[in-house]
């Protein structure tokens, strides 16, 4: 759950509040000064004893006389007082991780980097809300995150980004719902069952390169909270090199981060080879191997970048053989009605986590 309020962060009765810190953890002006004044000098003494820390890292101290239990000191800048979006992103992420390590349930953030750091409120909001959504989508704690802003400009910026209420589903024919159409797609099934605004932007035959080219029009223009990307099958059919497919995915992830959109990666479905009765044409054999390679890379990439994963591969396998279950396929690449229902069931579990970061 994400909340945005206008008020004094030092007055909040939460498990932890976040201090907009420098990497030496001295508490001077701004939010840090207010925390020190109300909570006592012991907070600074404990923090400095744990520093200096790398910019982007975070440490936890007691909260002194404050109503909160802890203070998480998130170093969004160094002694030069210079920050940027990536430093704020790292500081936000590590503050959440430190709080989670303590089993905390509620945490309140100021707008990191917007004081002496000079970061625009809109930029801080996109970065910080996007990071919180990624954290919540992974099912992590704290599960309630508050942004406490002291003026109208900050409050308006964070309210606008936190208020995003849709999910764009970017993909190929498996997202579109081929051969039946969008009404049979996993997107429509999940949208109706979960009462979520899911926008189907699946295009039959699309490669990741084509998805990247329409990313501005079909994703960013909708200002979604999340984008679910599933592709790669058509890339391997047309012989796209692995390095290029990966580059396309990485570029879409970067653009999503820049716009404050939490990206979810979808693992491509398996191929059903049961109709070939032991004879597999060379081009299909190559495509299967290439798709497996890409799928394995995608899982590793998602794990290393803390990206939520929507597994569209495992639900369509036959547990007895470990291969694609023919009962779920219309042809070698596309699910039938039962297959789309299975994909909807898999997507539903992840979408329920995404709802934690939506209004």
Protein backbone atom coordinates (compact mmCIF):
# COMPACT_ATOMS: atom_id res chain seq x y z
CA UNK A 1 0.00 0.00 0.00
CA UNK A 2 1.28 3.46 -0.93
CA UNK A 3 0.04 6.58 0.83
CA UNK A 4 0.88 10.22 0.15
CA UNK A 5 0.27 12.85 2.78
CA UNK A 6 1.19 16.43 3.43
CA UNK A 7 2.72 16.87 6.84
CA UNK A 8 5.67 16.56 9.18
CA UNK A 9 7.45 13.21 8.85
CA UNK A 10 8.87 13.55 12.37
CA UNK A 11 5.35 13.37 13.83
CA UNK A 12 4.40 10.06 12.22
CA UNK A 13 3.82 7.02 14.40
CA UNK A 14 5.25 4.36 12.09
CA UNK A 15 7.83 1.62 12.41
CA UNK A 16 10.47 3.75 10.69
CA UNK A 17 10.99 7.12 9.09
CA UNK A 18 13.67 7.77 6.49
CA UNK A 19 16.30 10.46 6.90
CA UNK A 20 17.54 12.15 3.72
CA UNK A 21 21.18 11.61 4.62
CA UNK A 22 24.63 12.29 3.25
CA UNK A 23 27.09 9.42 3.20
CA UNK A 24 28.94 10.62 6.33
CA UNK A 25 25.59 10.63 8.17
CA UNK A 26 26.03 14.01 9.86
CA UNK A 27 22.60 15.53 10.39
CA UNK A 28 22.51 19.20 9.38
CA UNK A 29 19.61 21.08 7.82
CA UNK A 30 16.36 20.02 6.17
CA UNK A 31 14.75 16.70 7.10
CA UNK A 32 17.90 15.54 8.87
CA UNK A 33 17.97 18.63 11.05
CA UNK A 34 14.30 18.28 11.93
CA UNK A 35 14.79 14.63 12.93
CA UNK A 36 17.77 15.55 15.11
CA UNK A 37 15.94 18.42 16.81
CA UNK A 38 12.88 16.36 17.68
CA UNK A 39 14.50 13.00 18.25
CA UNK A 40 17.66 14.10 20.01
CA UNK A 41 21.39 14.14 19.26
CA UNK A 42 21.71 10.44 20.11
CA UNK A 43 20.27 9.60 16.68
CA UNK A 44 23.12 11.41 14.93
CA UNK A 45 25.74 9.93 17.25
CA UNK A 46 24.57 6.40 16.50
CA UNK A 47 24.40 7.11 12.77
CA UNK A 48 27.86 8.67 12.50
CA UNK A 49 29.34 5.69 14.33
CA UNK A 50 28.10 3.52 11.44
CA UNK A 51 29.50 5.76 8.71
CA UNK A 52 30.70 6.72 6.29
CA UNK A 53 28.71 4.54 3.91
CA UNK A 54 28.62 4.39 0.10
CA UNK A 55 26.21 6.80 -1.58
CA UNK A 56 23.00 4.88 -2.25
CA UNK A 57 23.32 2.72 0.86
CA UNK A 58 21.30 2.93 4.08
CA UNK A 59 21.75 2.18 7.78
CA UNK A 60 19.30 1.97 10.68
CA UNK A 61 19.44 3.64 14.09
CA UNK A 62 17.09 4.08 16.99
CA UNK A 63 14.59 6.93 16.83
CA UNK A 64 15.31 8.65 20.14
CA UNK A 65 12.34 10.74 21.24
CA UNK A 66 10.44 10.39 17.97
CA UNK A 67 7.13 8.53 17.68
CA UNK A 68 8.71 6.14 15.17
CA UNK A 69 10.68 3.10 16.35
CA UNK A 70 13.62 3.51 13.97
CA UNK A 71 15.28 5.97 11.63
CA UNK A 72 16.62 4.64 8.33
CA UNK A 73 19.41 6.90 7.08
CA UNK A 74 19.38 6.73 3.27
CA UNK A 75 22.46 8.33 1.72
CA UNK A 76 21.23 9.90 -1.50
CA UNK A 77 24.31 12.15 -1.78
CA UNK A 78 27.89 12.55 -0.67
CA UNK A 79 29.69 15.47 0.93
CA UNK A 80 29.49 17.33 -2.38
CA UNK A 81 25.69 17.47 -1.89
CA UNK A 82 25.19 16.32 -5.49
CA UNK A 83 22.64 13.66 -6.32
CA UNK A 84 20.82 12.19 -9.31
CA UNK A 85 18.02 9.78 -10.11
CA UNK A 86 20.15 6.64 -9.80
CA UNK A 87 21.53 7.64 -6.39
CA UNK A 88 18.00 8.29 -5.14
CA UNK A 89 16.83 5.00 -6.65
CA UNK A 90 19.55 3.06 -4.83
CA UNK A 91 18.96 4.91 -1.55
CA UNK A 92 15.22 4.20 -1.73
CA UNK A 93 15.75 0.54 -2.53
CA UNK A 94 18.28 0.02 0.26
CA UNK A 95 16.15 1.85 2.81
CA UNK A 96 13.31 -0.55 2.01
CA UNK A 97 15.62 -3.55 2.24
CA UNK A 98 17.03 -2.48 5.62
CA UNK A 99 13.51 -2.02 6.98
CA UNK A 100 12.50 -5.40 5.61
CA UNK A 101 15.46 -7.07 7.29
CA UNK A 102 14.08 -5.86 10.62
CA UNK A 103 10.60 -7.16 9.82
CA UNK A 104 9.09 -3.66 9.81
CA UNK A 105 5.59 -3.17 8.40
CA UNK A 106 5.36 0.61 7.92
CA UNK A 107 7.90 3.15 6.71
CA UNK A 108 7.68 6.84 5.78
CA UNK A 109 9.88 8.63 3.24
CA UNK A 110 10.55 12.29 2.53
CA UNK A 111 11.32 13.33 -1.05
CA UNK A 112 14.96 12.26 -1.22
CA UNK A 113 17.37 14.52 -3.09
CA UNK A 114 14.95 17.43 -3.54
CA UNK A 115 16.45 19.76 -0.93
CA UNK A 116 20.09 20.79 -1.31
CA UNK A 117 20.45 17.96 -3.84
CA UNK A 118 18.35 19.98 -6.28
CA UNK A 119 16.39 17.07 -7.76
CA UNK A 120 13.01 18.02 -9.21
CA UNK A 121 10.00 16.69 -7.33
CA UNK A 122 8.67 15.01 -10.48
CA UNK A 123 11.93 13.11 -10.94
CA UNK A 124 12.10 12.09 -7.29
CA UNK A 125 8.47 10.93 -7.40
CA UNK A 126 8.95 8.80 -10.51
CA UNK A 127 12.08 7.17 -9.10
CA UNK A 128 10.88 6.61 -5.55
CA UNK A 129 7.32 5.49 -6.27
CA UNK A 130 8.63 3.20 -9.01
CA UNK A 131 11.07 1.61 -6.57
CA UNK A 132 8.39 1.15 -3.95
CA UNK A 133 6.12 -0.53 -6.50
CA UNK A 134 8.92 -2.89 -7.48
CA UNK A 135 9.46 -3.72 -3.81
CA UNK A 136 5.77 -4.38 -3.19
CA UNK A 137 5.39 -6.40 -6.40
CA UNK A 138 8.04 -8.80 -5.10
CA UNK A 139 5.88 -9.41 -2.02
CA UNK A 140 8.39 -7.81 0.34
CA UNK A 141 7.91 -5.88 3.57
CA UNK A 142 7.34 -3.14 4.64
CA UNK A 143 3.95 -3.49 3.02
CA UNK A 144 2.79 0.05 3.84
CA UNK A 145 4.89 2.92 2.50
CA UNK A 146 4.09 6.56 3.20
CA UNK A 147 5.46 9.57 1.38
CA UNK A 148 5.32 12.58 3.70
CA UNK A 149 5.71 15.90 1.87
CA UNK A 150 5.92 19.30 3.46
CA UNK A 151 4.68 21.48 0.57
CA UNK A 152 2.09 21.48 -2.20
CA UNK A 153 4.55 20.98 -5.06
CA UNK A 154 5.99 17.81 -3.58
CA UNK A 155 2.59 16.52 -2.51
CA UNK A 156 1.14 17.06 -5.99
CA UNK A 157 4.05 15.32 -7.74
CA UNK A 158 3.99 12.24 -5.52
CA UNK A 159 0.18 12.06 -5.54
CA UNK A 160 0.14 12.07 -9.33
CA UNK A 161 2.65 9.22 -9.70
CA UNK A 162 1.22 7.18 -6.81
CA UNK A 163 -2.25 7.60 -8.33
CA UNK A 164 -1.42 5.71 -11.52
CA UNK A 165 -4.02 2.97 -11.82
CA UNK A 166 -3.39 0.90 -14.94
CA UNK A 167 -1.13 -1.90 -16.17
CA UNK A 168 0.01 -2.12 -19.79
CA UNK A 169 0.53 -5.63 -21.14
CA UNK A 170 3.07 -5.34 -23.96
CA UNK A 171 3.69 -8.42 -26.04
CA UNK A 172 3.08 -10.53 -29.10
CA UNK A 173 0.27 -12.91 -30.11
CA UNK A 174 0.30 -14.67 -26.72
CA UNK A 175 -0.65 -11.37 -25.08
CA UNK A 176 -3.09 -10.49 -27.86
CA UNK A 177 -4.95 -13.81 -27.51
CA UNK A 178 -4.32 -15.38 -30.92
CA UNK A 179 -6.07 -17.14 -32.64
CA UNK A 180 -9.25 -16.13 -30.82
CA UNK A 181 -8.71 -12.46 -30.11
CA UNK A 182 -8.32 -10.22 -27.04
CA UNK A 183 -11.60 -11.35 -25.47
CA UNK A 184 -10.07 -14.80 -24.85
CA UNK A 185 -6.69 -13.50 -23.71
CA UNK A 186 -5.25 -13.90 -20.23
CA UNK A 187 -5.31 -10.09 -20.09
CA UNK A 188 -9.10 -9.89 -20.39
CA UNK A 189 -9.66 -12.79 -17.97
CA UNK A 190 -7.49 -11.21 -15.28
CA UNK A 191 -8.90 -7.73 -15.80
CA UNK A 192 -12.44 -8.95 -15.23
CA UNK A 193 -11.69 -11.26 -12.32
CA UNK A 194 -9.44 -8.88 -10.39
CA UNK A 195 -11.21 -5.64 -11.36
CA UNK A 196 -7.96 -4.16 -12.64
CA UNK A 197 -7.38 -1.81 -15.56
CA UNK A 198 -5.20 -3.96 -17.84
CA UNK A 199 -4.46 -2.57 -21.30
CA UNK A 200 -3.79 -5.21 -23.96
CA UNK A 201 -0.97 -4.09 -26.25
CA UNK A 202 -0.17 -7.48 -27.75
CA UNK A 203 0.56 -7.45 -31.49
CA UNK A 204 0.62 -10.66 -33.50
CA UNK A 205 4.09 -11.47 -34.82
CA UNK A 206 5.88 -8.76 -32.85
CA UNK A 207 9.54 -9.08 -31.92
CA UNK A 208 11.19 -7.35 -28.95
CA UNK A 209 12.65 -4.82 -31.39
CA UNK A 210 9.16 -3.88 -32.56
CA UNK A 211 7.94 -3.69 -28.95
CA UNK A 212 10.80 -1.34 -28.15
CA UNK A 213 9.92 0.88 -31.12
CA UNK A 214 6.32 1.28 -29.91
CA UNK A 215 7.20 1.61 -26.23
CA UNK A 216 6.58 5.37 -26.14
CA UNK A 217 3.21 5.12 -27.87
CA UNK A 218 1.86 1.92 -26.34
CA UNK A 219 3.30 2.15 -22.82
CA UNK A 220 4.57 5.53 -21.68
CA UNK A 221 1.67 7.50 -23.15
CA UNK A 222 -0.73 5.64 -20.83
CA UNK A 223 1.30 6.56 -17.71
CA UNK A 224 0.84 3.11 -16.17
CA UNK A 225 1.91 1.95 -12.75
CA UNK A 226 3.30 -1.24 -14.30
CA UNK A 227 4.16 -2.72 -17.68
CA UNK A 228 4.27 -6.48 -18.27
CA UNK A 229 6.55 -7.40 -21.16
CA UNK A 230 6.44 -10.81 -22.81
CA UNK A 231 8.31 -11.50 -26.03
CA UNK A 232 11.20 -13.33 -27.58
CA UNK A 233 9.43 -16.15 -29.43
CA UNK A 234 9.18 -14.26 -32.72
CA UNK A 235 12.75 -13.04 -32.32
CA UNK A 236 14.12 -16.56 -32.34
CA UNK A 237 11.92 -17.52 -35.31
CA UNK A 238 13.43 -14.74 -37.43
CA UNK A 239 16.96 -15.50 -36.24
CA UNK A 240 17.63 -12.48 -34.03
CA UNK A 241 20.88 -12.84 -32.11
CA UNK A 242 20.59 -13.40 -28.37
CA UNK A 243 22.65 -10.29 -27.66
CA UNK A 244 20.20 -8.13 -29.59
CA UNK A 245 17.11 -9.60 -27.90
CA UNK A 246 18.70 -8.95 -24.52
CA UNK A 247 19.63 -5.42 -25.52
CA UNK A 248 16.02 -4.72 -26.53
CA UNK A 249 14.75 -5.93 -23.16
CA UNK A 250 17.37 -3.95 -21.24
CA UNK A 251 16.50 -0.76 -23.12
CA UNK A 252 12.80 -1.16 -22.32
CA UNK A 253 13.65 -1.72 -18.65
CA UNK A 254 15.72 1.47 -18.64
CA UNK A 255 12.92 3.51 -20.22
CA UNK A 256 10.41 2.12 -17.76
CA UNK A 257 12.65 3.07 -14.83
CA UNK A 258 13.08 6.59 -16.20
CA UNK A 259 9.32 7.07 -16.33
CA UNK A 260 8.62 5.62 -12.89
CA UNK A 261 7.01 2.49 -14.34
CA UNK A 262 7.61 -0.82 -12.60
CA UNK A 263 8.45 -3.43 -15.23
CA UNK A 264 7.39 -7.07 -14.93
CA UNK A 265 9.03 -9.66 -17.18
CA UNK A 266 6.95 -12.46 -18.65
CA UNK A 267 8.66 -15.78 -19.39
CA UNK A 268 7.78 -16.98 -22.93
CA UNK A 269 5.50 -20.00 -23.22
CA UNK A 270 6.95 -23.39 -24.29
CA UNK A 271 6.56 -24.81 -27.78
CA UNK A 272 4.39 -27.89 -28.31
CA UNK A 273 6.33 -30.37 -30.46
CA UNK A 274 3.99 -33.35 -29.99
CA UNK A 275 2.73 -33.30 -33.58
CA UNK A 276 6.16 -33.90 -35.06
CA UNK A 277 6.41 -37.51 -33.81
CA UNK A 278 10.15 -37.55 -33.29
CA UNK A 279 11.01 -35.64 -36.48
CA UNK A 280 11.87 -32.05 -35.71
CA UNK A 281 12.75 -29.71 -38.59
CA UNK A 282 16.11 -28.05 -38.18
CA UNK A 283 14.77 -24.51 -38.00
CA UNK A 284 12.31 -25.46 -35.25
CA UNK A 285 14.96 -27.33 -33.26
CA UNK A 286 17.17 -24.25 -33.38
CA UNK A 287 14.29 -21.98 -32.35
CA UNK A 288 13.46 -24.15 -29.35
CA UNK A 289 17.06 -24.07 -28.12
CA UNK A 290 17.35 -20.33 -28.66
CA UNK A 291 14.09 -19.67 -26.83
CA UNK A 292 15.23 -21.80 -23.89
CA UNK A 293 18.49 -19.84 -23.77
CA UNK A 294 16.66 -16.52 -23.79
CA UNK A 295 14.19 -17.67 -21.13
CA UNK A 296 17.02 -18.75 -18.83
CA UNK A 297 18.79 -15.43 -19.31
CA UNK A 298 15.55 -13.55 -18.62
CA UNK A 299 15.09 -15.31 -15.30
CA UNK A 300 18.65 -14.49 -14.25
CA UNK A 301 18.31 -10.89 -15.44
CA UNK A 302 15.09 -10.42 -13.48
CA UNK A 303 16.60 -11.88 -10.32
CA UNK A 304 19.74 -9.73 -10.49
CA UNK A 305 17.69 -6.57 -11.10
CA UNK A 306 14.94 -7.36 -8.57
CA UNK A 307 12.27 -7.43 -11.26
CA UNK A 308 8.96 -9.24 -10.72
CA UNK A 309 8.49 -12.29 -12.96
CA UNK A 310 5.29 -13.60 -14.53
CA UNK A 311 5.87 -17.28 -15.32
CA UNK A 312 3.98 -18.17 -18.51
CA UNK A 313 6.21 -21.19 -19.11
CA UNK A 314 5.62 -23.62 -16.25
CA UNK A 315 1.76 -23.58 -16.30
CA UNK A 316 1.72 -24.99 -19.85
CA UNK A 317 4.04 -27.92 -19.10
CA UNK A 318 2.99 -31.51 -18.54
CA UNK A 319 4.35 -32.42 -15.07
CA UNK A 320 4.82 -36.02 -16.20
CA UNK A 321 7.09 -35.18 -19.14
CA UNK A 322 8.43 -31.72 -18.38
CA UNK A 323 7.43 -30.73 -21.92
CA UNK A 324 4.62 -28.61 -23.33
CA UNK A 325 1.23 -30.12 -22.55
CA UNK A 326 -0.64 -30.67 -25.86
CA UNK A 327 -3.95 -30.22 -24.03
CA UNK A 328 -3.12 -26.53 -23.68
CA UNK A 329 -2.11 -25.76 -27.28
CA UNK A 330 -3.91 -24.81 -30.49
CA UNK A 331 -0.71 -25.24 -32.55
CA UNK A 332 3.00 -25.48 -31.81
CA UNK A 333 3.25 -21.95 -30.37
CA UNK A 334 -0.20 -20.69 -29.36
CA UNK A 335 -2.39 -21.71 -26.41
CA UNK A 336 -5.94 -22.88 -26.85
CA UNK A 337 -8.79 -21.67 -24.64
CA UNK A 338 -7.69 -23.91 -21.77
CA UNK A 339 -4.13 -22.73 -22.22
CA UNK A 340 -5.14 -19.09 -21.91
CA UNK A 341 -7.07 -19.94 -18.78
CA UNK A 342 -3.92 -21.52 -17.33
CA UNK A 343 -1.93 -18.39 -18.21
CA UNK A 344 -4.57 -16.23 -16.54
CA UNK A 345 -4.23 -18.27 -13.36
CA UNK A 346 -0.47 -17.76 -13.35
CA UNK A 347 -0.79 -14.05 -14.08
CA UNK A 348 -3.38 -13.58 -11.35
CA UNK A 349 -0.95 -14.51 -8.59
CA UNK A 350 1.50 -11.81 -9.68
CA UNK A 351 -1.18 -9.22 -10.36
CA UNK A 352 -2.44 -9.55 -6.80
CA UNK A 353 1.02 -8.43 -5.67
CA UNK A 354 0.95 -5.54 -8.14
CA UNK A 355 -2.29 -4.32 -6.60
CA UNK A 356 -0.35 -3.61 -3.39
CA UNK A 357 1.24 -0.66 -5.19
CA UNK A 358 -1.91 0.73 -6.81
CA UNK A 359 -4.65 3.03 -5.50
